[in-house]
Amino acid sequence: MTIVEMLRKNAAGFPCKAAVRQESRTVSYEELLYRSEGLAAALVGAGVKKGDRIGVLLPKSPEIFISFLGIAIAGGVYVPLDPTPPRTNLKYVLDLTSPAALIVHSELYPALSGIEFPCDRIVVVGEKPSLQCFGWDEITSRNRALAPCGVEFPQSLDSDVFYLNFTSGTTGTPKGAVTTHSNVYWNTISAVETLGLVHDDVHLCMFPVFVHPHELFARSLYLGGTAVLVDSIYPKTVAKAVSDYKVTAMMAVAAIYDAFTRQHETSPLDFGALRIPESGGSFAGAPLVQKFEDQFGTPIYPVWGSTETAGIALATPPGKGAYRPDSMGKPCRYYEVEIVDEDGAPALPGVTGEMVVKGPAVCGSYYKNAEESKLHMLDGWFATGDLAMKDAEGFFYFIDRKTRMMKVAGMKVFPSEIEKAIQKHPKVREVAVSKIYDRVHGEMPRAYIVLEDDSSIDKNEIRKHCEDMIAGYKIPRSIKVVDSLPKTPGGKINYSQLELLD
């Protein structure tokens, strides 16, 4: 099933139901289809052909949904554009994909200043910067019957590529995972069946619009549910949305859930409707999972996913006894997940190796990047670059990224192990560990620590705290207390920018 079929099915079955909500705005399924087809008609009428890439530079808003679906109806390929620094990533994606058209918000239009792009079909949401641009309201309000004479939408096939899902680029050049309707469909039904999502669920969309844009709405679109948009990761704003909209399902990084528990202690939160809080993108320790359940009556469900797997591939499903402390869970339905050694052979339970993933939702290549495709995508398996371990019961545990592993005096050291140890100190709110280079010892761990409010700490206290949990050579000799850690727009720690704190 394509996302176009999902949209038309819900517009016919639930025309007046809220498909998207954001503050005072509500877009019904009927209006979502109407405006998406209006955009599609304008694109096709302007000469956009099936397979053409369409760049999208918009804030989180209902226009993102309409753009995603309208481009799919027109047979185009959605290309999310990231306006955040460095601008070299934005230029790289534009040069790589050569979009046939752009959809841009007027407030983000200046991000394109000085960047050459090979198209003059530009749709602007908001005030048009020039007469040559198309106005959003004008073209999306066109009914299909008013489309230019002879315009017909191409048939959408499950195998059609309909968007390029770009990696974040925080550790290198962004890579565009070639994503089909089928990839998104299988990931969506996998999540729906694994987590027990239903038609009446209200989904809070926390992803930035240029990272996994389909996961902003694919689950709710498939189920005929409602997606709530919040263009902020400020915990109080997010908490208000969860309460006001009676959100039942959401995904966020562990730091957001931790902030909820702190806020609840002083200003009780109404999370009575929330039943599926997923935690992905960063480690959610057992103490946080238990504290959240004690306060709100539902545990956090750790999950793991990636750009190349089109979403979550590991999850802790709801149900008594399904959670294992510090685990990412088990493979979701329709996914195969294995741990392999350096020779590619399956590793024994309890042995660390690289995690590889297979299934109909796994993308088959990177756009115009044969070298990386060959390196990571072999015989249907995606080599994640994540080091993990599987226990005898089939639960998976994240160890670290292969690229973050360091050799200290010839011994393997995983920064995440150090982070977990330091994080257990009651005065520590957040911690990130990176590698530094010493002329004598070679690679060494360095810890950047954010303390709890009104706390102070001696660095030797941190080292002493670690002694009972990790080996001496893993304990950081270099510790820096900082006010905050650099984050991606999704709230994950941006390790590539830690050195800016020095």
Foldseek 3Di string as FASTA:
>chain_A
DFLLVLLVVLCVVPVADFAEDEVPDTDGSVLLNLLLCLLLLVCVLVPDAAAAEEEEADFPDVVLSSPLSSCVQQNYAYAYADLDPPLVLRLVSQVQRLGQEYEHEPVSVCSCPPRDGDYQAYEYDDDDPDPSYHYSVVRSNDGNVNRPPPDDTDDADQARFHYFAWDPQLPHHIWTFRFGSQLQVVVLVLCCVQAVDAQAAEEEQLDTCNHLVCVQRVNNSNRVYYGYYDRALPLVSVLVCCQVVVHAEYEAAQLSLVVQLVCCVPPNGPNQSHAAYEHEDDWHFPVSQVSSCVRHVYGYKAFYDDSQSSDTQAIQYDDPPSDDGQFNGAGTPQKDKFFAAPVRHGDDAPDKHWIKMAGSNGGQATRPCVPVSVVAHDPRIGGDQWIWGAHPVRTIHTQAGVVQWDAWQNDTETQVQLQVQLCPPQFFSGKGWGWDQDPVGGTAIEMETETDPPDDDDLVVSQVSCPVRDPNRNRHPHYHYDNDADADSRGHGSVSCPVVVD
